[in-house]
Amino acid sequence: MHSQVPESQTTQNQESVSIIVPCFNESEGIESLKEKLLPVIAQLRLVRSVELICVDDGSIDDTYLKLQEHFSQQALIVRHEKNQGLSAAIKTGFANSTGKIICTIDSDCTYAPQDLVPVLNLMRGNVDIVTGSPYHPKGGIKNVPSWRLFLSKGLSQIYGLVLPQKLYTYTSMFRAYRREVLEKVPITYPGFLGLVEILAEAMFQGYKVVEYPTVLSNRVFGQSKLRVARVIKNHLKYIFTIMTQRSLKQKKAWLFKPKYTKHEA
């Protein structure tokens, strides 16, 4: 069910927010998620309308039952019968949302839910996306395995070479979007790659992205869903696609560039 505060409790400049939490086999961490997230939602509801949407992406443990136990009074709980991947879970959450700002957060709380408050505070003016950034000079890393750090940070550095807006971190799911962005930017890639796709395609469409320095911590409960070899392969293919598209656009621009004749000179 959707839970919103009365209109009288919101301020005119505080836009409504939908928080989407994709979950896959996260049974052990649902209670911890509740303890960390609900106080943040209560704080946000002092100044704006907030709804929470939990998407169980085909879990084979009792994640769905735990979500019902701990969030049935505070959230809309949506379930995929089969696992469809992170991108699909975000699309399902968005399809069931009503907020003018859409937030996506990790169910394992590797990014502190409390950081939603300053992230939302940055959503003003011409800013369209705010993304959590542990690799920002003011961000940080806490007990994260070296292989995951190498993978994520390395990919972010490569994306920084091929994308039009330079960020420290491109791979975080901890973000806030204006609704228009997710309406106009298609998510075509599955899994974690879809997160980068949203950011990349939004940049190419001219949306402004800013970073909020965050701390990335290692998960306390459950196991990571990353499949390293597959992740690397898919990201490298997408990077090649971006480079190819940029090359074709540059070639097309050069071919159609007006040429001066001797008479005009």
C-alpha atoms as a PDB file:
ATOM      1  CA  MET A   1       0.000   0.000   0.000  1.00  0.00           C
ATOM      2  CA  HIS A   2       1.146   3.526  -0.683  1.00  0.00           C
ATOM      3  CA  SER A   3       1.787   5.618   2.421  1.00  0.00           C
ATOM      4  CA  GLN A   4       1.886   9.379   2.105  1.00  0.00           C
ATOM      5  CA  VAL A   5       1.849  12.255   4.520  1.00  0.00           C
ATOM      6  CA  PRO A   6      -1.008  14.759   4.439  1.00  0.00           C
ATOM      7  CA  GLU A   7      -0.468  17.625   2.016  1.00  0.00           C
ATOM      8  CA  SER A   8      -0.409  20.111   4.887  1.00  0.00           C
ATOM      9  CA  GLN A   9       2.793  18.524   6.218  1.00  0.00           C
ATOM     10  CA  THR A  10       4.765  19.022   3.021  1.00  0.00           C
ATOM     11  CA  THR A  11       6.443  22.199   1.880  1.00  0.00           C
ATOM     12  CA  GLN A  12       5.844  23.630  -1.557  1.00  0.00           C
ATOM     13  CA  ASN A  13       9.423  23.133  -2.771  1.00  0.00           C
ATOM     14  CA  GLN A  14       9.838  19.581  -1.486  1.00  0.00           C
ATOM     15  CA  GLU A  15       8.831  17.225  -4.277  1.00  0.00           C
ATOM     16  CA  SER A  16       7.269  13.825  -3.622  1.00  0.00           C
ATOM     17  CA  VAL A  17       9.656  10.863  -3.477  1.00  0.00           C
ATOM     18  CA  SER A  18       9.401   7.170  -4.322  1.00  0.00           C
ATOM     19  CA  ILE A  19      12.084   4.910  -2.826  1.00  0.00           C
ATOM     20  CA  ILE A  20      12.615   1.642  -4.714  1.00  0.00           C
ATOM     21  CA  VAL A  21      14.401  -1.249  -3.001  1.00  0.00           C
ATOM     22  CA  PRO A  22      15.138  -4.286  -5.206  1.00  0.00           C
ATOM     23  CA  CYS A  23      15.606  -7.485  -3.171  1.00  0.00           C
ATOM     24  CA  PHE A  24      16.892 -10.896  -4.207  1.00  0.00           C
ATOM     25  CA  ASN A  25      17.567 -13.561  -1.581  1.00  0.00           C
ATOM     26  CA  GLU A  26      18.046 -10.945   1.133  1.00  0.00           C
ATOM     27  CA  SER A  27      16.121 -12.704   3.908  1.00  0.00           C
ATOM     28  CA  GLU A  28      18.884 -12.315   6.497  1.00  0.00           C
ATOM     29  CA  GLY A  29      19.138  -8.565   6.035  1.00  0.00           C
ATOM     30  CA  ILE A  30      15.496  -7.454   5.835  1.00  0.00           C
ATOM     31  CA  GLU A  31      15.203  -6.690   9.537  1.00  0.00           C
ATOM     32  CA  SER A  32      18.396  -4.618   9.420  1.00  0.00           C
ATOM     33  CA  LEU A  33      17.041  -2.782   6.369  1.00  0.00           C
ATOM     34  CA  LYS A  34      13.924  -1.913   8.351  1.00  0.00           C
ATOM     35  CA  GLU A  35      15.922  -0.605  11.308  1.00  0.00           C
ATOM     36  CA  LYS A  36      18.041   1.641   9.101  1.00  0.00           C
ATOM     37  CA  LEU A  37      15.532   2.774   6.472  1.00  0.00           C
ATOM     38  CA  LEU A  38      12.289   3.486   8.335  1.00  0.00           C
ATOM     39  CA  PRO A  39      13.769   6.246  10.551  1.00  0.00           C
ATOM     40  CA  VAL A  40      15.056   7.946   7.395  1.00  0.00           C
ATOM     41  CA  ILE A  41      11.630   7.759   5.777  1.00  0.00           C
ATOM     42  CA  ALA A  42      10.078   9.205   8.935  1.00  0.00           C
ATOM     43  CA  GLN A  43      12.555  12.089   8.772  1.00  0.00           C
ATOM     44  CA  LEU A  44      11.844  12.746   5.099  1.00  0.00           C
ATOM     45  CA  ARG A  45       8.092  12.684   5.700  1.00  0.00           C
ATOM     46  CA  LEU A  46       8.403  15.713   7.938  1.00  0.00           C
ATOM     47  CA  VAL A  47       8.860  17.829   4.801  1.00  0.00           C
ATOM     48  CA  ARG A  48       7.661  15.790   1.808  1.00  0.00           C
ATOM     49  CA  SER A  49       5.447  12.951   0.616  1.00  0.00           C
ATOM     50  CA  VAL A  50       7.284   9.623   0.528  1.00  0.00           C
ATOM     51  CA  GLU A  51       6.337   6.148  -0.687  1.00  0.00           C
ATOM     52  CA  LEU A  52       8.371   2.974  -0.339  1.00  0.00           C
ATOM     53  CA  ILE A  53       8.317   0.190  -2.945  1.00  0.00           C
ATOM     54  CA  CYS A  54      10.062  -3.125  -2.252  1.00  0.00           C
ATOM     55  CA  VAL A  55      10.513  -5.450  -5.212  1.00  0.00           C
ATOM     56  CA  ASP A  56      11.211  -9.104  -4.460  1.00  0.00           C
ATOM     57  CA  ASP A  57      12.954 -10.240  -7.636  1.00  0.00           C
ATOM     58  CA  GLY A  58      12.050 -13.912  -7.584  1.00  0.00           C
ATOM     59  CA  SER A  59      13.845 -14.809  -4.344  1.00  0.00           C
ATOM     60  CA  ILE A  60      14.080 -18.518  -3.545  1.00  0.00           C
ATOM     61  CA  ASP A  61      14.473 -17.918   0.195  1.00  0.00           C
ATOM     62  CA  ASP A  62      11.840 -16.290   2.421  1.00  0.00           C
ATOM     63  CA  THR A  63      12.658 -12.693   1.435  1.00  0.00           C
ATOM     64  CA  TYR A  64       9.065 -12.068   0.369  1.00  0.00           C
ATOM     65  CA  LEU A  65       7.696 -13.290   3.699  1.00  0.00           C
ATOM     66  CA  LYS A  66      10.215 -11.162   5.591  1.00  0.00           C
ATOM     67  CA  LEU A  67       9.237  -8.122   3.541  1.00  0.00           C
ATOM     68  CA  GLN A  68       5.602  -8.734   4.406  1.00  0.00           C
ATOM     69  CA  GLU A  69       6.494  -9.180   8.062  1.00  0.00           C
ATOM     70  CA  HIS A  70       8.556  -6.018   8.399  1.00  0.00           C
ATOM     71  CA  PHE A  71       7.255  -3.653   5.709  1.00  0.00           C
ATOM     72  CA  SER A  72       3.611  -4.523   4.998  1.00  0.00           C
ATOM     73  CA  GLN A  73       2.376  -1.402   6.815  1.00  0.00           C
ATOM     74  CA  GLN A  74       4.939   0.949   5.300  1.00  0.00           C
ATOM     75  CA  ALA A  75       5.496  -0.204   1.732  1.00  0.00           C
ATOM     76  CA  LEU A  76       4.041  -1.494  -1.475  1.00  0.00           C
ATOM     77  CA  ILE A  77       5.568  -4.960  -1.910  1.00  0.00           C
ATOM     78  CA  VAL A  78       5.791  -6.275  -5.466  1.00  0.00           C
ATOM     79  CA  ARG A  79       6.954  -9.765  -6.374  1.00  0.00           C
ATOM     80  CA  HIS A  80       8.490 -11.282  -9.507  1.00  0.00           C
ATOM     81  CA  GLU A  81       7.655 -14.966  -9.797  1.00  0.00           C
ATOM     82  CA  LYS A  82      11.083 -15.585 -11.345  1.00  0.00           C
ATOM     83  CA  ASN A  83      14.353 -13.723 -10.968  1.00  0.00           C
ATOM     84  CA  GLN A  84      14.617 -11.125 -13.724  1.00  0.00           C
ATOM     85  CA  GLY A  85      17.640  -9.135 -12.612  1.00  0.00           C
ATOM     86  CA  LEU A  86      18.318  -5.759 -11.065  1.00  0.00           C
ATOM     87  CA  SER A  87      17.283  -3.651 -14.066  1.00  0.00           C
ATOM     88  CA  ALA A  88      13.928  -5.406 -14.299  1.00  0.00           C
ATOM     89  CA  ALA A  89      13.324  -4.916 -10.583  1.00  0.00           C
ATOM     90  CA  ILE A  90      13.980  -1.189 -10.910  1.00  0.00           C
ATOM     91  CA  LYS A  91      11.627  -0.955 -13.899  1.00  0.00           C
ATOM     92  CA  THR A  92       8.918  -2.771 -11.937  1.00  0.00           C
ATOM     93  CA  GLY A  93       9.403  -0.449  -8.990  1.00  0.00           C
ATOM     94  CA  PHE A  94       9.244   2.595 -11.252  1.00  0.00           C
ATOM     95  CA  ALA A  95       6.073   1.326 -12.944  1.00  0.00           C
ATOM     96  CA  ASN A  96       4.427   1.166  -9.520  1.00  0.00           C
ATOM     97  CA  SER A  97       5.705   4.557  -8.337  1.00  0.00           C
ATOM     98  CA  THR A  98       4.076   7.988  -8.260  1.00  0.00           C
ATOM     99  CA  GLY A  99       6.825  10.266  -6.929  1.00  0.00           C
ATOM    100  CA  LYS A 100       8.355  13.161  -8.832  1.00  0.00           C
ATOM    101  CA  ILE A 101      11.776  12.008  -7.626  1.00  0.00           C
ATOM    102  CA  ILE A 102      12.729   8.330  -7.790  1.00  0.00           C
ATOM    103  CA  CYS A 103      15.366   6.932  -5.454  1.00  0.00           C
ATOM    104  CA  THR A 104      16.960   3.504  -5.819  1.00  0.00           C
ATOM    105  CA  ILE A 105      18.860   2.016  -2.884  1.00  0.00           C
ATOM    106  CA  ASP A 106      20.612  -1.244  -2.090  1.00  0.00           C
ATOM    107  CA  SER A 107      18.695  -3.639   0.156  1.00  0.00           C
ATOM    108  CA  ASP A 108      21.934  -4.741   1.856  1.00  0.00           C
ATOM    109  CA  CYS A 109      22.592  -1.177   3.112  1.00  0.00           C
ATOM    110  CA  THR A 110      26.121  -1.124   1.712  1.00  0.00           C
ATOM    111  CA  TYR A 111      25.293   2.545   1.261  1.00  0.00           C
ATOM    112  CA  ALA A 112      23.788   4.090   4.407  1.00  0.00           C
ATOM    113  CA  PRO A 113      20.069   4.861   3.885  1.00  0.00           C
ATOM    114  CA  GLN A 114      20.612   8.015   5.969  1.00  0.00           C
ATOM    115  CA  ASP A 115      22.494   9.476   2.992  1.00  0.00           C
ATOM    116  CA  LEU A 116      19.172   9.756   1.158  1.00  0.00           C
ATOM    117  CA  VAL A 117      18.606  13.017   3.023  1.00  0.00           C
ATOM    118  CA  PRO A 118      21.626  14.922   1.630  1.00  0.00           C
ATOM    119  CA  VAL A 119      21.232  13.233  -1.757  1.00  0.00           C
ATOM    120  CA  LEU A 120      17.698  14.599  -2.046  1.00  0.00           C
ATOM    121  CA  ASN A 121      18.886  18.005  -0.902  1.00  0.00           C
ATOM    122  CA  LEU A 122      21.071  18.141  -4.028  1.00  0.00           C
ATOM    123  CA  MET A 123      18.059  17.580  -6.295  1.00  0.00           C
ATOM    124  CA  ARG A 124      17.434  21.226  -7.042  1.00  0.00           C
ATOM    125  CA  GLY A 125      17.910  23.694  -9.875  1.00  0.00           C
ATOM    126  CA  ASN A 126      18.959  21.996 -13.103  1.00  0.00           C
ATOM    127  CA  VAL A 127      20.185  18.783 -11.442  1.00  0.00           C
ATOM    128  CA  ASP A 128      18.478  15.697 -12.883  1.00  0.00           C
ATOM    129  CA  ILE A 129      20.364  12.809 -11.221  1.00  0.00           C
ATOM    130  CA  VAL A 130      22.325  12.556  -7.986  1.00  0.00           C
ATOM    131  CA  THR A 131      24.471   9.450  -7.606  1.00  0.00           C
ATOM    132  CA  GLY A 132      26.279   8.143  -4.564  1.00  0.00           C
ATOM    133  CA  SER A 133      30.045   8.283  -5.063  1.00  0.00           C
ATOM    134  CA  PRO A 134      32.418   6.334  -2.808  1.00  0.00           C
ATOM    135  CA  TYR A 135      35.343   7.087  -5.135  1.00  0.00           C
ATOM    136  CA  HIS A 136      34.855  10.844  -4.732  1.00  0.00           C
ATOM    137  CA  PRO A 137      37.772  12.382  -2.769  1.00  0.00           C
ATOM    138  CA  LYS A 138      35.356  13.034   0.090  1.00  0.00           C
ATOM    139  CA  GLY A 139      33.790   9.549  -0.142  1.00  0.00           C
ATOM    140  CA  GLY A 140      35.138   6.366   1.352  1.00  0.00           C
ATOM    141  CA  ILE A 141      35.440   2.580   1.369  1.00  0.00           C
ATOM    142  CA  LYS A 142      34.900   0.357   4.414  1.00  0.00           C
ATOM    143  CA  ASN A 143      35.867  -3.325   4.507  1.00  0.00           C
ATOM    144  CA  VAL A 144      35.086  -3.866   0.813  1.00  0.00           C
ATOM    145  CA  PRO A 145      36.867  -6.865  -0.753  1.00  0.00           C
ATOM    146  CA  SER A 146      39.767  -5.785  -2.948  1.00  0.00           C
ATOM    147  CA  TRP A 147      38.409  -7.650  -5.992  1.00  0.00           C
ATOM    148  CA  ARG A 148      35.103  -5.769  -5.844  1.00  0.00           C
ATOM    149  CA  LEU A 149      36.878  -2.462  -5.360  1.00  0.00           C
ATOM    150  CA  PHE A 150      39.203  -3.156  -8.285  1.00  0.00           C
ATOM    151  CA  LEU A 151      36.279  -4.105 -10.515  1.00  0.00           C
ATOM    152  CA  SER A 152      33.993  -1.201  -9.648  1.00  0.00           C
ATOM    153  CA  LYS A 153      36.641   1.508  -9.476  1.00  0.00           C
ATOM    154  CA  GLY A 154      38.352   0.256 -12.615  1.00  0.00           C
ATOM    155  CA  LEU A 155      35.126   0.295 -14.591  1.00  0.00           C
ATOM    156  CA  SER A 156      34.309   3.801 -13.360  1.00  0.00           C
ATOM    157  CA  GLN A 157      37.700   5.023 -14.557  1.00  0.00           C
ATOM    158  CA  ILE A 158      37.104   3.536 -18.010  1.00  0.00           C
ATOM    159  CA  TYR A 159      33.606   5.018 -18.241  1.00  0.00           C
ATOM    160  CA  GLY A 160      35.115   8.384 -17.349  1.00  0.00           C
ATOM    161  CA  LEU A 161      37.097   8.219 -20.591  1.00  0.00           C
ATOM    162  CA  VAL A 162      34.096   7.628 -22.858  1.00  0.00           C
ATOM    163  CA  LEU A 163      31.175   9.471 -21.266  1.00  0.00           C
ATOM    164  CA  PRO A 164      30.475  13.206 -21.663  1.00  0.00           C
ATOM    165  CA  GLN A 165      30.202  14.068 -17.956  1.00  0.00           C
ATOM    166  CA  LYS A 166      33.166  13.190 -15.766  1.00  0.00           C
ATOM    167  CA  LEU A 167      32.349  11.487 -12.466  1.00  0.00           C
ATOM    168  CA  TYR A 168      34.349   9.561  -9.906  1.00  0.00           C
ATOM    169  CA  THR A 169      31.728   6.774  -9.692  1.00  0.00           C
ATOM    170  CA  TYR A 170      29.447   5.434 -12.439  1.00  0.00           C
ATOM    171  CA  THR A 171      28.462   2.078 -10.933  1.00  0.00           C
ATOM    172  CA  SER A 172      26.509   2.953  -7.783  1.00  0.00           C
ATOM    173  CA  MET A 173      22.806   2.107  -7.505  1.00  0.00           C
ATOM    174  CA  PHE A 174      22.355   4.599  -4.660  1.00  0.00           C
ATOM    175  CA  ARG A 175      20.754   7.390  -6.683  1.00  0.00           C
ATOM    176  CA  ALA A 176      17.952   9.900  -7.060  1.00  0.00           C
ATOM    177  CA  TYR A 177      16.397  10.663 -10.451  1.00  0.00           C
ATOM    178  CA  ARG A 178      13.853  13.141 -11.675  1.00  0.00           C
ATOM    179  CA  ARG A 179      10.892  11.138 -12.878  1.00  0.00           C
ATOM    180  CA  GLU A 180      11.308  12.463 -16.404  1.00  0.00           C
ATOM    181  CA  VAL A 181      14.709  10.793 -16.681  1.00  0.00           C
ATOM    182  CA  LEU A 182      13.380   7.278 -16.121  1.00  0.00           C
ATOM    183  CA  GLU A 183      10.418   8.016 -18.394  1.00  0.00           C
ATOM    184  CA  LYS A 184      12.657   9.025 -21.294  1.00  0.00           C
ATOM    185  CA  VAL A 185      15.789   6.921 -20.805  1.00  0.00           C
ATOM    186  CA  PRO A 186      15.179   3.280 -21.726  1.00  0.00           C
ATOM    187  CA  ILE A 187      16.735   0.483 -19.668  1.00  0.00           C
ATOM    188  CA  THR A 188      17.643  -2.223 -22.150  1.00  0.00           C
ATOM    189  CA  TYR A 189      20.552  -4.002 -20.467  1.00  0.00           C
ATOM    190  CA  PRO A 190      19.991  -6.562 -17.708  1.00  0.00           C
ATOM    191  CA  GLY A 191      21.416  -6.625 -14.216  1.00  0.00           C
ATOM    192  CA  PHE A 192      23.969  -4.136 -12.915  1.00  0.00           C
ATOM    193  CA  LEU A 193      24.889  -2.958 -16.408  1.00  0.00           C
ATOM    194  CA  GLY A 194      21.479  -1.309 -16.668  1.00  0.00           C
ATOM    195  CA  LEU A 195      22.524   1.078 -13.883  1.00  0.00           C
ATOM    196  CA  VAL A 196      25.403   2.423 -15.959  1.00  0.00           C
ATOM    197  CA  GLU A 197      23.190   2.505 -19.036  1.00  0.00           C
ATOM    198  CA  ILE A 198      20.720   4.841 -17.313  1.00  0.00           C
ATOM    199  CA  LEU A 199      23.521   7.212 -16.361  1.00  0.00           C
ATOM    200  CA  ALA A 200      25.240   7.062 -19.750  1.00  0.00           C
ATOM    201  CA  GLU A 201      22.120   7.511 -21.854  1.00  0.00           C
ATOM    202  CA  ALA A 202      20.886  10.312 -19.584  1.00  0.00           C
ATOM    203  CA  MET A 203      24.193  12.117 -20.124  1.00  0.00           C
ATOM    204  CA  PHE A 204      23.923  11.697 -23.896  1.00  0.00           C
ATOM    205  CA  GLN A 205      20.418  13.179 -23.723  1.00  0.00           C
ATOM    206  CA  GLY A 206      21.735  16.219 -21.875  1.00  0.00           C
ATOM    207  CA  TYR A 207      20.557  15.499 -18.319  1.00  0.00           C
ATOM    208  CA  LYS A 208      22.822  16.838 -15.592  1.00  0.00           C
ATOM    209  CA  VAL A 209      24.377  14.374 -13.145  1.00  0.00           C
ATOM    210  CA  VAL A 210      26.067  15.309  -9.862  1.00  0.00           C
ATOM    211  CA  GLU A 211      27.728  13.176  -7.204  1.00  0.00           C
ATOM    212  CA  TYR A 212      27.273  12.976  -3.460  1.00  0.00           C
ATOM    213  CA  PRO A 213      30.310  11.573  -1.587  1.00  0.00           C
ATOM    214  CA  THR A 214      29.242   8.364   0.153  1.00  0.00           C
ATOM    215  CA  VAL A 215      30.851   5.512   2.038  1.00  0.00           C
ATOM    216  CA  LEU A 216      30.618   2.058   0.477  1.00  0.00           C
ATOM    217  CA  SER A 217      30.670  -0.708   3.091  1.00  0.00           C
ATOM    218  CA  ASN A 218      30.891  -4.444   2.716  1.00  0.00           C
ATOM    219  CA  ARG A 219      27.591  -6.267   3.153  1.00  0.00           C
ATOM    220  CA  VAL A 220      26.929  -7.733   6.595  1.00  0.00           C
ATOM    221  CA  PHE A 221      24.213 -10.235   5.645  1.00  0.00           C
ATOM    222  CA  GLY A 222      23.870 -12.585   2.674  1.00  0.00           C
ATOM    223  CA  GLN A 223      26.135 -12.942  -0.327  1.00  0.00           C
ATOM    224  CA  SER A 224      26.965 -10.706  -3.255  1.00  0.00           C
ATOM    225  CA  LYS A 225      24.998 -11.411  -6.441  1.00  0.00           C
ATOM    226  CA  LEU A 226      27.835 -10.320  -8.737  1.00  0.00           C
ATOM    227  CA  ARG A 227      29.216 -12.781 -11.266  1.00  0.00           C
ATOM    228  CA  VAL A 228      32.592 -11.207 -11.907  1.00  0.00           C
ATOM    229  CA  ALA A 229      33.539 -12.658 -15.303  1.00  0.00           C
ATOM    230  CA  ARG A 230      30.086 -11.962 -16.735  1.00  0.00           C
ATOM    231  CA  VAL A 231      30.059  -8.431 -15.314  1.00  0.00           C
ATOM    232  CA  ILE A 232      33.441  -7.566 -16.823  1.00  0.00           C
ATOM    233  CA  LYS A 233      32.495  -9.003 -20.217  1.00  0.00           C
ATOM    234  CA  ASN A 234      29.180  -7.164 -20.383  1.00  0.00           C
ATOM    235  CA  HIS A 235      30.644  -3.825 -19.311  1.00  0.00           C
ATOM    236  CA  LEU A 236      33.481  -4.047 -21.831  1.00  0.00           C
ATOM    237  CA  LYS A 237      30.973  -4.812 -24.598  1.00  0.00           C
ATOM    238  CA  TYR A 238      28.889  -1.802 -23.583  1.00  0.00           C
ATOM    239  CA  ILE A 239      31.967   0.445 -23.464  1.00  0.00           C
ATOM    240  CA  PHE A 240      32.864  -0.724 -26.976  1.00  0.00           C
ATOM    241  CA  THR A 241      29.298   0.096 -28.079  1.00  0.00           C
ATOM    242  CA  ILE A 242      29.593   3.614 -26.653  1.00  0.00           C
ATOM    243  CA  MET A 243      32.937   4.166 -28.380  1.00  0.00           C
ATOM    244  CA  THR A 244      31.548   2.903 -31.678  1.00  0.00           C
ATOM    245  CA  GLN A 245      28.504   5.166 -31.464  1.00  0.00           C
ATOM    246  CA  ARG A 246      30.675   8.189 -30.634  1.00  0.00           C
ATOM    247  CA  SER A 247      32.964   7.418 -33.554  1.00  0.00           C
ATOM    248  CA  LEU A 248      30.039   7.155 -35.973  1.00  0.00           C
ATOM    249  CA  LYS A 249      28.562  10.440 -34.727  1.00  0.00           C
ATOM    250  CA  GLN A 250      31.894  12.223 -35.118  1.00  0.00           C
ATOM    251  CA  LYS A 251      32.334  10.800 -38.618  1.00  0.00           C
ATOM    252  CA  LYS A 252      28.799  11.853 -39.569  1.00  0.00           C
ATOM    253  CA  ALA A 253      29.383  15.356 -38.211  1.00  0.00           C
ATOM    254  CA  TRP A 254      32.598  15.627 -40.221  1.00  0.00           C
ATOM    255  CA  LEU A 255      30.944  14.421 -43.433  1.00  0.00           C
ATOM    256  CA  PHE A 256      28.132  16.939 -43.141  1.00  0.00           C
ATOM    257  CA  LYS A 257      30.329  19.811 -41.977  1.00  0.00           C
ATOM    258  CA  PRO A 258      29.821  22.824 -44.289  1.00  0.00           C
ATOM    259  CA  LYS A 259      32.760  23.336 -46.618  1.00  0.00           C
ATOM    260  CA  TYR A 260      33.797  26.753 -47.878  1.00  0.00           C
ATOM    261  CA  THR A 261      34.278  27.226 -51.618  1.00  0.00           C
ATOM    262  CA  LYS A 262      37.035  29.343 -53.065  1.00  0.00           C
ATOM    263  CA  HIS A 263      34.431  31.950 -54.047  1.00  0.00           C
ATOM    264  CA  GLU A 264      33.107  32.083 -50.451  1.00  0.00           C
ATOM    265  CA  ALA A 265      36.611  32.410 -49.084  1.00  0.00           C
END
